Amino acid sequence: MQVRSDQLPQQLARGLKPLYVVHGDEPLLAQEAGDAVRAAARAAGYSEREVFTVSGAHFDWSGVLGAAQSMGLFGDQKLIEIRIPSGKPGKDGSAALQQYCDILPEGVLTLVHLPRLDRQQLQGAWFQALERVGVSVRVDPIERHQLPAWIAQRLAAQGQRLPAGEAGQQALAFFADRVEGNLLAAHQELQKLALLYPAGELSFEQIEEAVLDVARFDVFKLGTAVLAGQAGRALRMLDGLKAEGEAAVLVHWTLADDIRALARVRAAMDEGKPLPMALREARVWGEKERLFERVLPGLDGAKAQALVAAASVCDGLVKGLRHPDWPDDAWDGLRRLVLMTLDAVAQPSRRGQPAPAPLTLKA
């Protein structure tokens, strides 16, 4: 019998099967599935627990087979967990698992933990035997397009929600962008929201503030300072990041991500798309959205592409590749990229006032 991880609670509510197999590479969901089985086992009176971790090809399977056939100290029901981190039990393990399924007695509940399996492993005789006597719980990763709905569901479970309509969708998209590919981080952010704010509706500002505060990536504030045209603050932040030992690669990634987004939005506007639509398609939200609205009217396509080219050269510098027209030091290269971006996004002077002198591009 096969079920998805989100279907497991309903299956457990209908009664326990003698064996459960949890397989997949999403740590949070796999852990929650195992916790759900263990909780149901405790509620049903399985008071003893034995855990076996299969490590290497020379694992002794006789202990597992013996545990299945032995009664608890006081005749209590027993939970046996078998963890196979490699997903490959080997020839002896395959035979032992098939034998295990044939001798599984009353009073024993088995939980098998496996990583993500390929088609050949899923069709193996040992896995087919496990599925025949129990329930196979497939733990699929939450893809990017599924994240907003997953986050909203988790918020609802803790008594919180986001506004209806576009405001709520933007907040969910912002949240998803910050935790994509790391459900454990998303889970921690959700728990933090439950601690910070009471049950009820959350605003975009609360989501933005909480997620960024928890991330504690000061490097992300550098891009905000650059887009805001705060030259002094941006250069001080760059020096501070260097002094604190921040990775030059991460600093470059942050700057380059904003530069690429500027170029995408500018190109979309040049094709005739309205600025709000272009920003939405480029997934620019919150404070960055307001900064882009300030910068883009004065940024033409040629300047945007020049920044993309400069970011590409700087990418090589932070990875150890020299360029004849750029400084050899990665941090000097980052400084030049910051200055170039500040110069490109600088707003024209107010009418009747002289324009400020252009920023130097020398490192």
Protein backbone atom coordinates (compact mmCIF):
# COMPACT_ATOMS: atom_id res chain seq x y z
CA MET A 1 0.00 0.00 0.00
CA GLN A 2 1.40 3.39 -1.00
CA VAL A 3 0.48 6.78 0.51
CA ARG A 4 1.92 10.28 0.34
CA SER A 5 3.34 11.83 3.49
CA ASP A 6 0.36 14.21 3.76
CA GLN A 7 -2.02 11.20 3.64
CA LEU A 8 -0.29 9.35 6.48
CA PRO A 9 -2.27 10.90 9.39
CA GLN A 10 -5.55 9.80 7.82
CA GLN A 11 -4.21 6.28 7.26
CA LEU A 12 -2.97 6.01 10.85
CA ALA A 13 -6.35 7.16 12.14
CA ARG A 14 -7.95 4.17 10.39
CA GLY A 15 -5.76 1.70 12.25
CA LEU A 16 -2.12 0.61 12.39
CA LYS A 17 -0.58 -1.66 9.81
CA PRO A 18 2.20 -4.04 10.92
CA LEU A 19 4.93 -2.23 8.95
CA TYR A 20 5.66 1.27 7.61
CA VAL A 21 8.37 2.26 5.15
CA VAL A 22 9.31 5.96 4.98
CA HIS A 23 11.48 6.79 1.97
CA GLY A 24 12.62 10.14 0.57
CA ASP A 25 15.26 12.85 0.86
CA GLU A 26 13.24 15.62 2.52
CA PRO A 27 14.51 15.51 6.13
CA LEU A 28 11.68 17.50 7.73
CA LEU A 29 8.84 15.51 6.15
CA ALA A 30 10.61 12.19 6.73
CA GLN A 31 11.11 13.07 10.39
CA GLU A 32 7.48 14.14 10.77
CA ALA A 33 6.28 10.91 9.13
CA GLY A 34 8.39 8.84 11.51
CA ASP A 35 7.18 10.88 14.48
CA ALA A 36 3.57 10.31 13.43
CA VAL A 37 4.07 6.53 13.29
CA ARG A 38 5.85 6.50 16.67
CA ALA A 39 3.10 8.60 18.27
CA ALA A 40 0.40 6.28 16.92
CA ALA A 41 2.37 3.28 18.17
CA ARG A 42 2.64 4.70 21.69
CA ALA A 43 -1.06 5.47 21.73
CA ALA A 44 -1.78 1.86 20.70
CA GLY A 45 0.34 0.42 23.52
CA TYR A 46 3.65 -0.28 21.81
CA SER A 47 5.74 0.54 24.85
CA GLU A 48 9.08 -1.03 23.87
CA ARG A 49 11.35 0.18 21.07
CA GLU A 50 14.45 -1.25 19.40
CA VAL A 51 16.46 0.59 16.75
CA PHE A 52 18.83 -1.00 14.20
CA THR A 53 21.04 1.04 11.87
CA VAL A 54 22.33 -0.87 8.85
CA SER A 55 25.91 0.31 8.39
CA GLY A 56 27.91 -1.36 5.65
CA ALA A 57 27.66 -4.64 3.80
CA HIS A 58 28.67 -6.71 6.85
CA PHE A 59 25.74 -5.77 9.06
CA ASP A 60 24.49 -8.70 11.14
CA TRP A 61 20.83 -9.15 10.25
CA SER A 62 20.33 -11.96 12.77
CA GLY A 63 19.71 -9.38 15.50
CA VAL A 64 16.83 -7.87 13.54
CA LEU A 65 15.27 -11.26 12.86
CA GLY A 66 15.70 -12.26 16.49
CA ALA A 67 14.10 -9.02 17.74
CA ALA A 68 11.02 -9.66 15.61
CA GLN A 69 10.54 -13.11 17.11
CA SER A 70 11.26 -12.29 20.76
CA MET A 71 8.57 -10.99 23.05
CA GLY A 72 8.99 -7.89 25.20
CA LEU A 73 10.16 -8.14 28.81
CA PHE A 74 6.58 -8.19 30.11
CA GLY A 75 4.92 -9.35 26.92
CA ASP A 76 4.45 -5.76 25.80
CA GLN A 77 4.02 -4.78 22.20
CA LYS A 78 7.22 -3.68 20.50
CA LEU A 79 8.22 -1.07 17.91
CA ILE A 80 11.25 -2.03 15.80
CA GLU A 81 12.95 0.63 13.69
CA ILE A 82 15.29 -0.33 10.86
CA ARG A 83 17.35 2.49 9.39
CA ILE A 84 19.15 1.93 6.09
CA PRO A 85 20.89 5.27 5.29
CA SER A 86 22.38 4.03 2.00
CA GLY A 87 19.09 2.60 0.73
CA LYS A 88 21.01 -0.56 -0.25
CA PRO A 89 20.60 -3.50 2.13
CA GLY A 90 22.82 -5.71 -0.02
CA LYS A 91 22.28 -9.33 -0.98
CA ASP A 92 22.15 -10.61 2.59
CA GLY A 93 19.95 -7.72 3.67
CA SER A 94 17.55 -8.29 0.80
CA ALA A 95 17.10 -11.91 1.82
CA ALA A 96 16.79 -10.97 5.50
CA LEU A 97 14.12 -8.33 4.84
CA GLN A 98 12.07 -10.77 2.81
CA GLN A 99 12.38 -13.34 5.58
CA TYR A 100 11.50 -10.67 8.14
CA CYS A 101 8.25 -9.91 6.31
CA ASP A 102 7.37 -13.62 6.27
CA ILE A 103 7.84 -14.12 10.03
CA LEU A 104 6.47 -10.80 11.30
CA PRO A 105 4.40 -11.76 14.36
CA GLU A 106 1.54 -10.10 16.19
CA GLY A 107 2.55 -7.46 18.68
CA VAL A 108 5.42 -6.08 16.57
CA LEU A 109 5.19 -2.85 14.61
CA THR A 110 8.08 -2.09 12.23
CA LEU A 111 9.24 1.28 10.91
CA VAL A 112 11.82 1.24 8.10
CA HIS A 113 13.69 4.45 7.21
CA LEU A 114 15.14 4.80 3.70
CA PRO A 115 16.49 7.64 1.55
CA ARG A 116 15.12 8.43 -1.90
CA LEU A 117 15.06 5.26 -3.98
CA ASP A 118 15.53 4.88 -7.72
CA ARG A 119 13.29 2.77 -9.94
CA GLN A 120 15.49 -0.31 -9.67
CA GLN A 121 15.42 -0.19 -5.88
CA LEU A 122 11.65 0.34 -5.81
CA GLN A 123 11.23 -2.77 -7.96
CA GLY A 124 13.60 -4.86 -5.86
CA ALA A 125 12.25 -8.00 -4.21
CA TRP A 126 13.05 -6.72 -0.71
CA PHE A 127 11.15 -3.45 -1.18
CA GLN A 128 8.20 -5.22 -2.80
CA ALA A 129 8.06 -7.52 0.24
CA LEU A 130 7.95 -4.53 2.59
CA GLU A 131 5.13 -2.93 0.61
CA ARG A 132 3.20 -6.20 0.54
CA VAL A 133 2.88 -6.41 4.34
CA GLY A 134 2.70 -2.73 5.20
CA VAL A 135 2.42 0.88 4.08
CA SER A 136 4.96 2.69 1.90
CA VAL A 137 5.16 6.42 2.69
CA ARG A 138 6.80 8.33 -0.13
CA VAL A 139 8.28 11.64 1.01
CA ASP A 140 8.47 13.94 -2.00
CA PRO A 141 10.24 17.31 -1.82
CA ILE A 142 8.10 20.44 -1.80
CA GLU A 143 8.79 22.16 -5.11
CA ARG A 144 9.01 25.93 -5.42
CA HIS A 145 5.50 26.28 -6.89
CA GLN A 146 4.09 24.25 -3.97
CA LEU A 147 5.83 26.22 -1.23
CA PRO A 148 3.32 29.09 -0.84
CA ALA A 149 0.42 26.68 -0.30
CA TRP A 150 2.54 24.60 2.09
CA ILE A 151 3.48 27.68 4.10
CA ALA A 152 -0.14 28.87 4.23
CA GLN A 153 -1.25 25.43 5.45
CA ARG A 154 1.37 25.43 8.19
CA LEU A 155 0.43 28.94 9.24
CA ALA A 156 -3.22 27.89 9.48
CA ALA A 157 -2.24 24.93 11.66
CA GLN A 158 -0.71 27.34 14.19
CA GLY A 159 -3.68 29.71 14.05
CA GLN A 160 -2.15 32.34 11.77
CA ARG A 161 -3.05 33.52 8.29
CA LEU A 162 -2.16 36.11 5.67
CA PRO A 163 -4.45 38.69 4.08
CA ALA A 164 -6.64 37.53 1.24
CA GLY A 165 -5.86 38.63 -2.30
CA GLU A 166 -2.66 39.90 -3.83
CA ALA A 167 -1.17 41.16 -0.56
CA GLY A 168 -1.28 37.68 0.92
CA GLN A 169 0.08 36.09 -2.25
CA GLN A 170 3.01 38.49 -2.29
CA ALA A 171 3.80 37.73 1.35
CA LEU A 172 3.71 33.99 0.65
CA ALA A 173 5.92 34.39 -2.43
CA PHE A 174 8.37 36.50 -0.43
CA PHE A 175 8.48 33.84 2.29
CA ALA A 176 8.93 31.04 -0.24
CA ASP A 177 11.80 32.83 -1.98
CA ARG A 178 13.66 33.06 1.33
CA VAL A 179 13.37 29.36 2.23
CA GLU A 180 13.31 27.60 -1.13
CA GLY A 181 15.12 24.28 -1.01
CA ASN A 182 15.30 24.12 2.79
CA LEU A 183 12.10 23.01 4.51
CA LEU A 184 13.88 22.79 7.85
CA ALA A 185 14.60 26.52 7.63
CA ALA A 186 11.00 27.17 6.59
CA HIS A 187 9.77 25.18 9.60
CA GLN A 188 11.98 27.23 11.92
CA GLU A 189 10.72 30.48 10.40
CA LEU A 190 7.12 29.37 10.93
CA GLN A 191 7.82 28.48 14.55
CA LYS A 192 9.42 31.89 15.03
CA LEU A 193 6.30 33.60 13.65
CA ALA A 194 4.19 31.65 16.15
CA LEU A 195 6.39 32.93 18.98
CA LEU A 196 6.61 36.53 17.76
CA TYR A 197 2.98 37.19 16.86
CA PRO A 198 -0.38 36.07 18.26
CA ALA A 199 -2.91 34.01 16.37
CA GLY A 200 -4.70 35.89 13.63
CA GLU A 201 -3.76 37.76 10.49
CA LEU A 202 -0.13 38.62 9.73
CA SER A 203 0.96 41.55 7.58
CA PHE A 204 3.57 41.56 4.82
CA GLU A 205 5.73 43.83 6.97
CA GLN A 206 5.67 41.31 9.83
CA ILE A 207 6.67 38.48 7.50
CA GLU A 208 9.44 40.57 5.94
CA GLU A 209 10.84 41.71 9.26
CA ALA A 210 10.71 38.31 10.95
CA VAL A 211 12.22 36.30 8.10
CA LEU A 212 15.08 38.73 7.47
CA ASP A 213 15.78 39.10 11.19
CA VAL A 214 15.96 35.36 11.66
CA ALA A 215 18.19 34.92 8.61
CA ARG A 216 20.69 37.36 10.11
CA PHE A 217 22.42 37.86 6.79
CA ASP A 218 23.73 41.39 7.01
CA VAL A 219 25.12 40.92 3.52
CA PHE A 220 21.59 41.24 2.15
CA LYS A 221 21.37 44.78 3.51
CA LEU A 222 24.26 45.75 1.24
CA GLY A 223 22.12 45.48 -1.88
CA THR A 224 19.41 47.58 -0.26
CA ALA A 225 21.92 50.33 0.52
CA VAL A 226 23.26 50.27 -3.04
CA LEU A 227 19.80 50.46 -4.64
CA ALA A 228 18.89 53.30 -2.27
CA GLY A 229 21.94 55.22 -3.51
CA GLN A 230 23.50 55.31 -0.03
CA ALA A 231 27.12 55.35 -1.21
CA GLY A 232 28.79 55.98 2.15
CA ARG A 233 26.74 53.37 3.97
CA ALA A 234 27.22 50.80 1.20
CA LEU A 235 31.01 51.19 1.22
CA ARG A 236 31.14 51.03 5.02
CA MET A 237 29.08 47.84 4.94
CA LEU A 238 31.38 46.34 2.32
CA ASP A 239 34.43 47.09 4.48
CA GLY A 240 32.67 45.66 7.52
CA LEU A 241 31.74 42.43 5.74
CA LYS A 242 35.36 42.00 4.68
CA ALA A 243 36.60 42.61 8.23
CA GLU A 244 34.13 40.09 9.65
CA GLY A 245 35.38 37.39 7.30
CA GLU A 246 32.26 37.15 5.14
CA ALA A 247 32.73 35.11 1.96
CA ALA A 248 33.37 37.29 -1.08
CA VAL A 249 31.38 34.79 -3.16
CA LEU A 250 28.25 35.42 -1.07
CA VAL A 251 28.66 39.19 -1.24
CA HIS A 252 29.00 38.99 -5.03
CA TRP A 253 25.98 36.71 -5.31
CA THR A 254 23.84 39.23 -3.42
CA LEU A 255 24.93 42.13 -5.63
CA ALA A 256 24.71 40.14 -8.86
CA ASP A 257 21.22 38.89 -8.01
CA ASP A 258 19.95 42.48 -7.77
CA ILE A 259 21.78 43.46 -10.96
CA ARG A 260 20.28 40.58 -12.93
CA ALA A 261 16.82 41.45 -11.61
CA LEU A 262 17.27 45.08 -12.66
CA ALA A 263 18.27 43.96 -16.16
CA ARG A 264 15.30 41.58 -16.45
CA VAL A 265 12.79 44.21 -15.36
CA ARG A 266 14.35 46.86 -17.63
CA ALA A 267 14.19 44.46 -20.60
CA ALA A 268 10.54 43.66 -19.84
CA MET A 269 9.71 47.37 -19.67
CA ASP A 270 11.48 47.96 -22.98
CA GLU A 271 9.21 45.29 -24.47
CA GLY A 272 6.20 47.32 -23.37
CA LYS A 273 5.26 45.66 -20.11
CA PRO A 274 4.09 47.90 -17.25
CA LEU A 275 6.52 48.25 -14.37
CA PRO A 276 4.25 46.49 -11.79
CA MET A 277 3.87 43.47 -14.08
CA ALA A 278 7.60 43.35 -14.82
CA LEU A 279 8.42 43.48 -11.11
CA ARG A 280 5.95 40.69 -10.35
CA GLU A 281 7.41 38.45 -13.06
CA ALA A 282 10.93 39.11 -11.74
CA ARG A 283 9.76 38.20 -8.21
CA VAL A 284 10.72 41.53 -6.68
CA TRP A 285 8.81 42.20 -3.46
CA GLY A 286 8.69 44.40 -0.41
CA GLU A 287 11.38 47.00 0.11
CA LYS A 288 13.28 45.93 -3.02
CA GLU A 289 10.11 46.56 -5.04
CA ARG A 290 10.00 50.17 -3.87
CA LEU A 291 13.70 50.64 -4.58
CA PHE A 292 13.35 49.20 -8.08
CA GLU A 293 10.48 51.60 -8.75
CA ARG A 294 12.82 54.43 -7.77
CA VAL A 295 15.76 53.25 -9.86
CA LEU A 296 14.33 51.82 -13.08
CA PRO A 297 12.88 54.98 -14.70
CA GLY A 298 16.41 56.41 -14.87
CA LEU A 299 18.19 53.16 -15.82
CA ASP A 300 18.33 52.43 -19.53
CA GLY A 301 18.93 49.04 -21.08
CA ALA A 302 22.54 49.76 -22.02
CA LYS A 303 23.48 50.64 -18.43
CA ALA A 304 21.71 47.54 -17.14
CA GLN A 305 23.57 45.27 -19.53
CA ALA A 306 26.88 46.96 -18.67
CA LEU A 307 26.25 46.14 -15.00
CA VAL A 308 25.49 42.52 -15.89
CA ALA A 309 28.78 42.31 -17.80
CA ALA A 310 30.65 43.86 -14.85
CA ALA A 311 29.03 41.39 -12.46
CA SER A 312 30.17 38.55 -14.72
CA VAL A 313 33.78 39.78 -14.60
CA CYS A 314 33.57 40.17 -10.83
CA ASP A 315 32.24 36.63 -10.56
CA GLY A 316 35.53 35.44 -12.01
CA LEU A 317 37.53 37.60 -9.59
CA VAL A 318 35.91 36.15 -6.48
CA LYS A 319 36.66 32.68 -7.87
CA GLY A 320 40.31 33.42 -8.49
CA LEU A 321 40.30 34.46 -12.17
CA ARG A 322 42.12 37.67 -13.03
CA HIS A 323 41.01 40.28 -15.56
CA PRO A 324 43.43 42.81 -17.12
CA ASP A 325 41.09 45.77 -16.57
CA TRP A 326 40.05 44.91 -13.02
CA PRO A 327 41.87 44.74 -9.66
CA ASP A 328 43.41 41.41 -8.71
CA ASP A 329 41.92 41.43 -5.21
CA ALA A 330 38.35 40.09 -5.02
CA TRP A 331 37.24 42.70 -2.46
CA ASP A 332 38.66 45.52 -4.58
CA GLY A 333 36.63 44.09 -7.46
CA LEU A 334 33.51 44.03 -5.32
CA ARG A 335 34.14 47.65 -4.37
CA ARG A 336 34.32 48.62 -8.04
CA LEU A 337 31.10 46.72 -8.77
CA VAL A 338 29.36 48.54 -5.90
CA LEU A 339 30.58 51.91 -7.20
CA MET A 340 29.48 51.11 -10.76
CA THR A 341 26.03 50.10 -9.53
CA LEU A 342 25.72 53.20 -7.36
CA ASP A 343 26.66 55.36 -10.35
CA ALA A 344 24.14 53.61 -12.61
CA VAL A 345 21.24 53.92 -10.16
CA ALA A 346 22.02 57.51 -9.08
CA GLN A 347 18.98 59.74 -9.54
CA PRO A 348 19.29 62.91 -11.67
CA SER A 349 19.40 66.18 -9.73
CA ARG A 350 16.27 68.11 -9.05
CA ARG A 351 15.36 70.68 -11.63
CA GLY A 352 17.44 73.84 -11.24
CA GLN A 353 20.14 72.11 -9.17
CA PRO A 354 23.46 70.85 -10.50
CA ALA A 355 23.92 67.12 -10.85
CA PRO A 356 26.38 65.52 -8.47
CA ALA A 357 29.80 64.54 -9.73
CA PRO A 358 29.90 60.97 -11.04
CA LEU A 359 31.35 58.35 -8.72
CA THR A 360 34.85 57.17 -9.53
CA LEU A 361 35.14 53.59 -10.71
CA LYS A 362 38.70 53.08 -9.50
CA ALA A 363 39.17 50.54 -6.74
